[in-house]
Amino acid sequence: MKKIFKCSIYLSFFALLIINVFIFINGMDLSQKIVFYEKSTQELKKENSELEAYLYRINSLQHISSQAALLDFSKKADPYFLDSLRFALKK
């Protein structure tokens, strides 16, 4: 009886040791994944800030006015009416 009890204790310690090693290896794997995702998150934040700066630069009035000058837009366009204004004119 004593021999079976000792054997079962040794087997349970061995099983706990194996489980502990398994949990340790899984923890190492998870920490590597966390580091990878943190790096990718930082890269995405950097890219996002660069895209925001580019968007603000493109949407600025100075850029729009320079593009309008390159495309030969006038400051005020003459209105074009499809039908004549009969009721607003005094004839």
Protein backbone atom coordinates (compact mmCIF):
# COMPACT_ATOMS: atom_id res chain seq x y z
CA MET A 1 0.00 0.00 0.00
CA LYS A 2 2.83 2.33 0.90
CA LYS A 3 4.60 1.55 -2.37
CA ILE A 4 1.48 2.33 -4.44
CA PHE A 5 1.01 5.60 -2.56
CA LYS A 6 4.64 6.65 -3.20
CA CYS A 7 4.36 5.70 -6.85
CA SER A 8 1.16 7.72 -7.27
CA ILE A 9 2.77 10.75 -5.60
CA TYR A 10 5.79 10.52 -7.93
CA LEU A 11 3.52 10.19 -10.95
CA SER A 12 1.44 13.20 -9.87
CA PHE A 13 4.60 15.29 -9.32
CA PHE A 14 5.86 14.24 -12.74
CA ALA A 15 2.51 15.13 -14.30
CA LEU A 16 2.55 18.52 -12.56
CA LEU A 17 6.09 19.11 -13.82
CA ILE A 18 5.05 18.31 -17.40
CA ILE A 19 2.02 20.61 -17.09
CA ASN A 20 4.22 23.38 -15.67
CA VAL A 21 6.65 23.09 -18.60
CA PHE A 22 3.76 23.12 -21.05
CA ILE A 23 2.30 26.28 -19.48
CA PHE A 24 5.74 27.94 -19.47
CA ILE A 25 6.25 27.22 -23.19
CA ASN A 26 2.77 28.52 -24.02
CA GLY A 27 3.49 31.66 -22.00
CA MET A 28 6.69 32.24 -23.97
CA ASP A 29 4.79 31.81 -27.24
CA LEU A 30 2.10 34.25 -26.13
CA SER A 31 4.70 36.82 -25.09
CA GLN A 32 6.31 36.62 -28.54
CA LYS A 33 2.90 37.16 -30.14
CA ILE A 34 2.26 40.16 -27.87
CA VAL A 35 5.59 41.71 -28.87
CA PHE A 36 4.78 41.14 -32.55
CA TYR A 37 1.35 42.76 -32.26
CA GLU A 38 2.74 45.70 -30.28
CA LYS A 39 5.33 46.33 -33.01
CA SER A 40 2.70 46.12 -35.73
CA THR A 41 0.42 48.46 -33.75
CA GLN A 42 3.23 51.00 -33.44
CA GLU A 43 3.93 50.77 -37.18
CA LEU A 44 0.23 51.28 -37.93
CA LYS A 45 0.09 54.31 -35.61
CA LYS A 46 3.12 55.81 -37.36
CA GLU A 47 1.61 55.17 -40.79
CA ASN A 48 -1.71 56.61 -39.62
CA SER A 49 -0.08 59.82 -38.40
CA GLU A 50 1.80 60.14 -41.72
CA LEU A 51 -1.44 59.67 -43.64
CA GLU A 52 -3.20 62.25 -41.46
CA ALA A 53 -0.43 64.77 -42.12
CA TYR A 54 -0.66 64.06 -45.85
CA LEU A 55 -4.44 64.44 -45.75
CA TYR A 56 -4.24 67.77 -43.92
CA ARG A 57 -1.66 68.99 -46.42
CA ILE A 58 -3.82 67.92 -49.39
CA ASN A 59 -6.99 69.45 -47.92
CA SER A 60 -5.39 72.78 -47.05
CA LEU A 61 -6.68 75.89 -48.79
CA GLN A 62 -3.20 76.76 -50.00
CA HIS A 63 -2.89 73.44 -51.80
CA ILE A 64 -6.38 73.72 -53.24
CA SER A 65 -5.72 77.23 -54.53
CA SER A 66 -2.44 76.15 -56.15
CA GLN A 67 -4.20 73.23 -57.83
CA ALA A 68 -6.96 75.56 -59.01
CA ALA A 69 -4.35 77.87 -60.51
CA LEU A 70 -2.68 74.95 -62.28
CA LEU A 71 -6.04 73.88 -63.74
CA ASP A 72 -6.89 77.47 -64.83
CA PHE A 73 -9.98 77.85 -62.67
CA SER A 74 -11.31 81.36 -62.22
CA LYS A 75 -12.17 82.71 -58.80
CA LYS A 76 -15.85 83.21 -59.57
CA ALA A 77 -17.72 81.29 -62.18
CA ASP A 78 -20.52 82.97 -64.09
CA PRO A 79 -23.85 81.34 -63.28
CA TYR A 80 -25.48 79.42 -66.08
CA PHE A 81 -29.25 79.18 -66.09
CA LEU A 82 -31.16 76.61 -68.08
CA ASP A 83 -34.26 78.73 -68.49
CA SER A 84 -34.75 82.47 -68.57
CA LEU A 85 -36.00 84.33 -65.51
CA ARG A 86 -39.40 85.56 -66.66
CA PHE A 87 -40.94 86.35 -63.31
CA ALA A 88 -38.02 88.13 -61.71
CA LEU A 89 -37.44 90.56 -64.56
CA LYS A 90 -39.57 93.66 -65.05
CA LYS A 91 -40.61 93.77 -68.68
